[in-house]
Each structure stands twice: as structure tokens, then as C-alpha cells.
Amino acid sequence: MEWNDRRADDYTITEFQSGDHVNFELREKHGFGFHITIGNHHEPHVTVETPSTADLEARSADGGMKVNGIQGDLQLRTSDGSMDVSDVSGSLHLTSSDGSIRVHNAAGTLESRSSDGSVHIEGRFTGVQVHTSDGGLDLTLAEGSHLTSSSRVESSDGNVTVHLPRSLATDLEIRSSDGHIDCKLPLVMEGYDSRSDSGHSIRGRLNGGGVPLAIHTHDGNAVIEAL
């Protein structure tokens, strides 16, 4: 633990173990608290090492979070700070109220929700549910991705760019309420709507179709790129 310019006696540390469940909490004595990994120039920097296979729940009230090299059920939440996740696999649940989300080299299923900040996600996924309220969204389904559950990518206010393998089989729906659509993959078209009063939408099948993948932006452009 690095205290930077803070004093150790400004905080209380609580830790306990029950069976295979380990809990660690660092809380400022004024009532300000957070979990697991957090730090900036003026606050303590906490590093926690775990087995490579573990279920992890981590929360930060005010500060960034970095998680890497873990396989399992990961539930990560930041209230005010960025999130950086890499080299992980399993079931990923990410929530950021105010801060960017970056995911690199992930595998499994993903649920991601952010209120204010950019989102950059890259990995081999079998299902994704990604939503951002305010900020650009860039998602890459890496080569080897195979969707087995209905997936949705959505931005309330910001551009959406999704990179898909040319081999991906899916029923694709793209919709922009106030922006343009640019799909650079060969779709077997099933529907197209460009009426100005209802936005723009495209429906079609990639590689014969498969489970649905919906990509929506309410105020911004939707771009589908081929890997």
C-alpha cells in the first residue's frame, strides 16, 4: 500500500475471511470509503493480489480501478473514476457512474453500463449488453467471437463504432434516432428505413444469420466496421 501524501491513521482498514470469501475494505475516517483498488496523485494506492481464478467484487467510491489477469465472475463498480480491465475472462459486470471504461483482451460475457465517459471495449465475447448514457462507445468483437445470446449495444448520447469479424453470424439491427448509419459489412437486407421523422434503421443477416445483435444510438452516428 502506498500512502502518497496521506497519513495511514486517516483511514481504517477492515479485513476478514469466511470460508473461501475474503473481504477487504479501506475507509477514510470521515466516512468516505471504497473497495479493492483505487488511487490518484493525492490518495492512497492499494494493490491486492489474488489467485488467477477467483470471483471478484470491487467497488470504488472516488478513484480509478485497474483489474487484470483474473478468470471468474467479476463485478466492478466505480462511482467517480475510470475503470481499466485487461486479460480477464468469465462473466464481466462493469458499472461506472462518472468515468471512462476500457476493456482489453477479455473473453466471455459482458454487461457494461456507464453514465458519463467514453467506453472502449475489445474481446472475444459470447454475449454483450453495453450501454452508455453520455460518451462515445467503441466496441470490438475480436476474431473468435461467437454470439450465443441476444446482444445489445446502445448509446443515449454519443457516436457508436462497432468492429465485427467478417465471419460473425448474426441477425443485425442498426438504428440511429438522430444520426447516420454506415455499415461496411455485406448484409442480406431484411429491412431499411430512412424516414426523417423516425430516424434511420437497417435490418439484415450476416453469414446466414444467428442470434440477434442490436446496435442503437439515440443521438449520434452508428458505424459498423469489418475487422
Protein backbone atom coordinates (compact mmCIF):
# COMPACT_ATOMS: atom_id res chain seq x y z
CA MET A 1 0.00 0.00 0.00
CA GLU A 2 1.32 3.42 -0.99
CA TRP A 3 0.01 6.30 1.13
CA ASN A 4 1.36 9.09 -1.14
CA ASP A 5 0.82 12.34 0.77
CA ARG A 6 -1.84 10.92 3.10
CA ARG A 7 -1.36 9.50 6.60
CA ALA A 8 -2.15 5.90 7.48
CA ASP A 9 -4.09 6.93 10.58
CA ASP A 10 -6.53 8.90 8.36
CA TYR A 11 -8.05 5.55 7.37
CA THR A 12 -9.45 2.40 8.88
CA ILE A 13 -8.70 -0.99 7.32
CA THR A 14 -11.11 -3.88 7.77
CA GLU A 15 -10.46 -7.40 6.57
CA PHE A 16 -11.97 -10.76 7.35
CA GLN A 17 -12.36 -14.21 5.80
CA SER A 18 -15.28 -16.62 5.92
CA GLY A 19 -14.57 -19.89 4.14
CA ASP A 20 -13.25 -19.02 0.72
CA HIS A 21 -14.72 -15.49 0.84
CA VAL A 22 -12.24 -12.71 1.63
CA ASN A 23 -13.34 -9.13 2.31
CA PHE A 24 -11.05 -6.10 2.37
CA GLU A 25 -12.14 -2.52 2.90
CA LEU A 26 -10.23 0.75 3.20
CA ARG A 27 -12.34 3.61 4.51
CA GLU A 28 -11.47 7.20 5.30
CA LYS A 29 -12.38 8.03 8.89
CA HIS A 30 -14.58 10.90 7.75
CA GLY A 31 -16.96 8.32 6.25
CA PHE A 32 -15.56 8.18 2.76
CA GLY A 33 -14.90 4.64 1.57
CA PHE A 34 -14.02 2.41 -1.31
CA HIS A 35 -13.07 -1.15 -2.14
CA ILE A 36 -10.13 -3.08 -3.56
CA THR A 37 -8.05 -0.95 -5.95
CA ILE A 38 -8.07 2.81 -6.07
CA GLY A 39 -5.66 5.69 -6.32
CA ASN A 40 -4.68 9.05 -7.69
CA HIS A 41 -1.93 11.55 -7.04
CA HIS A 42 -3.24 12.55 -3.61
CA GLU A 43 -4.90 9.38 -2.33
CA PRO A 44 -3.53 6.00 -1.23
CA HIS A 45 -2.81 3.44 -3.89
CA VAL A 46 -3.91 -0.06 -2.94
CA THR A 47 -2.77 -3.23 -4.74
CA VAL A 48 -4.46 -6.56 -3.98
CA GLU A 49 -3.08 -9.80 -5.43
CA THR A 50 -5.47 -12.75 -5.86
CA PRO A 51 -5.34 -16.22 -7.43
CA SER A 52 -5.78 -16.11 -11.19
CA THR A 53 -9.14 -17.86 -10.82
CA ALA A 54 -11.44 -16.02 -8.44
CA ASP A 55 -14.84 -14.34 -8.19
CA LEU A 56 -14.24 -10.65 -7.53
CA GLU A 57 -16.50 -7.84 -6.37
CA ALA A 58 -14.76 -4.46 -6.29
CA ARG A 59 -16.20 -1.03 -5.58
CA SER A 60 -14.65 2.42 -5.60
CA ALA A 61 -16.45 5.50 -4.27
CA ASP A 62 -13.91 8.03 -5.55
CA GLY A 63 -10.97 6.90 -7.66
CA GLY A 64 -9.87 4.75 -10.55
CA MET A 65 -9.75 0.96 -10.66
CA LYS A 66 -7.49 -1.46 -12.55
CA VAL A 67 -8.11 -5.21 -12.75
CA ASN A 68 -6.09 -7.67 -14.80
CA GLY A 69 -5.30 -11.36 -15.15
CA ILE A 70 -8.39 -12.81 -13.41
CA GLN A 71 -10.81 -15.51 -14.55
CA GLY A 72 -14.21 -15.72 -12.87
CA ASP A 73 -17.31 -13.72 -12.05
CA LEU A 74 -16.17 -10.07 -11.93
CA GLN A 75 -18.48 -7.36 -10.60
CA LEU A 76 -16.77 -3.98 -10.74
CA ARG A 77 -18.25 -0.58 -9.90
CA THR A 78 -16.83 2.94 -9.71
CA SER A 79 -18.86 5.96 -8.60
CA ASP A 80 -16.31 8.58 -9.64
CA GLY A 81 -13.28 7.28 -11.51
CA SER A 82 -12.11 5.40 -14.57
CA MET A 83 -12.06 1.63 -14.97
CA ASP A 84 -9.28 -0.29 -16.76
CA VAL A 85 -9.77 -4.05 -17.21
CA SER A 86 -7.44 -6.33 -19.17
CA ASP A 87 -6.60 -10.01 -19.69
CA VAL A 88 -9.74 -11.27 -17.96
CA SER A 89 -12.32 -13.93 -18.76
CA GLY A 90 -15.63 -15.14 -17.40
CA SER A 91 -18.76 -13.17 -16.57
CA LEU A 92 -17.99 -9.44 -16.53
CA HIS A 93 -20.32 -6.86 -14.94
CA LEU A 94 -19.00 -3.29 -15.14
CA THR A 95 -20.65 -0.08 -13.90
CA SER A 96 -19.20 3.43 -13.93
CA SER A 97 -21.28 6.40 -12.79
CA ASP A 98 -18.71 9.01 -13.81
CA GLY A 99 -15.59 7.87 -15.65
CA SER A 100 -14.33 6.06 -18.70
CA ILE A 101 -14.32 2.28 -19.17
CA ARG A 102 -11.52 0.49 -21.02
CA VAL A 103 -11.52 -3.28 -21.55
CA HIS A 104 -8.74 -5.08 -23.41
CA ASN A 105 -8.31 -8.77 -24.23
CA ALA A 106 -11.41 -10.01 -22.42
CA ALA A 107 -13.39 -13.21 -23.06
CA GLY A 108 -16.81 -14.48 -22.00
CA THR A 109 -19.97 -12.45 -21.42
CA LEU A 110 -20.08 -8.72 -20.75
CA GLU A 111 -22.55 -6.33 -19.15
CA SER A 112 -21.28 -2.74 -19.12
CA ARG A 113 -23.10 0.44 -18.12
CA SER A 114 -21.64 3.94 -17.87
CA SER A 115 -23.31 7.29 -17.20
CA ASP A 116 -20.63 9.78 -18.22
CA GLY A 117 -17.41 8.87 -20.02
CA SER A 118 -16.01 7.18 -23.09
CA VAL A 119 -16.13 3.40 -23.47
CA HIS A 120 -13.55 1.28 -25.32
CA ILE A 121 -14.06 -2.50 -25.22
CA GLU A 122 -12.21 -5.27 -27.04
CA GLY A 123 -12.52 -9.01 -26.56
CA ARG A 124 -13.85 -12.39 -27.65
CA PHE A 125 -17.41 -12.48 -26.38
CA THR A 126 -20.37 -14.85 -26.47
CA GLY A 127 -22.81 -12.13 -25.38
CA VAL A 128 -22.69 -8.37 -24.74
CA GLN A 129 -25.01 -5.83 -23.13
CA VAL A 130 -23.34 -2.41 -23.36
CA HIS A 131 -24.95 0.93 -22.58
CA THR A 132 -23.55 4.43 -22.20
CA SER A 133 -25.65 7.48 -21.34
CA ASP A 134 -23.18 10.18 -22.35
CA GLY A 135 -19.98 9.46 -24.26
CA GLY A 136 -18.57 7.76 -27.31
CA LEU A 137 -18.66 3.98 -27.48
CA ASP A 138 -16.14 1.82 -29.36
CA LEU A 139 -16.64 -1.96 -29.22
CA THR A 140 -14.58 -4.66 -30.92
CA LEU A 141 -15.79 -8.25 -31.08
CA ALA A 142 -12.43 -9.85 -31.74
CA GLU A 143 -11.82 -12.75 -34.09
CA GLY A 144 -13.16 -15.90 -32.46
CA SER A 145 -16.24 -14.19 -31.03
CA HIS A 146 -19.38 -16.31 -31.35
CA LEU A 147 -22.61 -14.87 -30.00
CA THR A 148 -24.78 -17.40 -28.19
CA SER A 149 -27.19 -14.96 -26.51
CA SER A 150 -29.08 -11.91 -27.76
CA SER A 151 -26.82 -8.87 -27.52
CA ARG A 152 -27.36 -5.12 -27.45
CA VAL A 153 -25.09 -2.08 -27.81
CA GLU A 154 -26.64 1.29 -27.04
CA SER A 155 -25.66 4.93 -26.58
CA SER A 156 -28.10 7.61 -25.40
CA ASP A 157 -25.83 10.50 -26.43
CA GLY A 158 -22.73 9.77 -28.49
CA ASN A 159 -21.38 8.00 -31.53
CA VAL A 160 -21.18 4.20 -31.62
CA THR A 161 -18.50 2.30 -33.56
CA VAL A 162 -18.62 -1.50 -33.58
CA HIS A 163 -15.89 -3.66 -35.16
CA LEU A 164 -17.09 -7.14 -36.19
CA PRO A 165 -15.31 -10.17 -37.64
CA ARG A 166 -16.24 -10.89 -41.24
CA SER A 167 -17.10 -14.45 -40.16
CA LEU A 168 -19.61 -13.46 -37.45
CA ALA A 169 -23.09 -14.95 -37.96
CA THR A 170 -25.85 -12.77 -36.52
CA ASP A 171 -29.17 -11.09 -37.18
CA LEU A 172 -28.09 -7.46 -37.15
CA GLU A 173 -30.27 -4.46 -36.40
CA ILE A 174 -28.78 -0.95 -36.55
CA ARG A 175 -30.74 2.13 -35.56
CA SER A 176 -29.93 5.82 -35.16
CA SER A 177 -32.62 8.23 -34.00
CA ASP A 178 -30.61 11.35 -34.88
CA GLY A 179 -27.52 10.50 -36.93
CA HIS A 180 -26.34 8.46 -39.88
CA ILE A 181 -25.63 4.73 -40.29
CA ASP A 182 -22.57 3.35 -42.07
CA CYS A 183 -22.32 -0.46 -42.29
CA LYS A 184 -19.21 -1.78 -44.04
CA LEU A 185 -20.15 -5.48 -43.84
CA PRO A 186 -22.16 -7.31 -46.52
CA LEU A 187 -25.70 -7.68 -45.19
CA VAL A 188 -28.54 -9.71 -46.64
CA MET A 189 -31.07 -6.91 -46.20
CA GLU A 190 -34.39 -7.57 -44.50
CA GLY A 191 -35.46 -4.02 -43.79
CA TYR A 192 -34.43 -0.42 -44.31
CA ASP A 193 -36.00 2.82 -43.06
CA SER A 194 -34.62 6.29 -43.73
CA ARG A 195 -37.65 8.44 -42.97
CA SER A 196 -36.53 11.67 -41.33
CA ASP A 197 -39.31 11.58 -38.73
CA SER A 198 -38.33 8.14 -37.40
CA GLY A 199 -34.55 8.14 -37.70
CA HIS A 200 -32.66 5.55 -39.69
CA SER A 201 -32.57 1.77 -39.34
CA ILE A 202 -31.19 -1.28 -41.11
CA ARG A 203 -32.01 -4.94 -40.50
CA GLY A 204 -30.20 -7.84 -42.12
CA ARG A 205 -28.35 -11.12 -41.78
CA LEU A 206 -24.61 -11.67 -41.61
CA ASN A 207 -23.34 -15.05 -42.81
CA GLY A 208 -26.79 -16.61 -42.83
CA GLY A 209 -27.89 -15.01 -39.57
CA GLY A 210 -27.83 -16.11 -35.96
CA VAL A 211 -28.73 -14.70 -32.56
CA PRO A 212 -29.77 -11.03 -32.62
CA LEU A 213 -27.30 -8.17 -32.24
CA ALA A 214 -28.92 -4.73 -31.86
CA ILE A 215 -26.87 -1.54 -32.18
CA HIS A 216 -28.72 1.65 -31.28
CA THR A 217 -27.76 5.28 -30.81
CA HIS A 218 -30.33 7.90 -29.87
CA ASP A 219 -28.19 10.96 -30.62
CA GLY A 220 -25.14 10.12 -32.71
CA ASN A 221 -23.85 8.09 -35.60
CA ALA A 222 -23.64 4.29 -35.81
CA VAL A 223 -20.67 2.86 -37.73
CA ILE A 224 -20.08 -0.86 -38.28
CA GLU A 225 -16.52 -1.70 -39.31
CA ALA A 226 -15.13 -5.02 -40.59
CA LEU A 227 -12.06 -6.47 -38.91
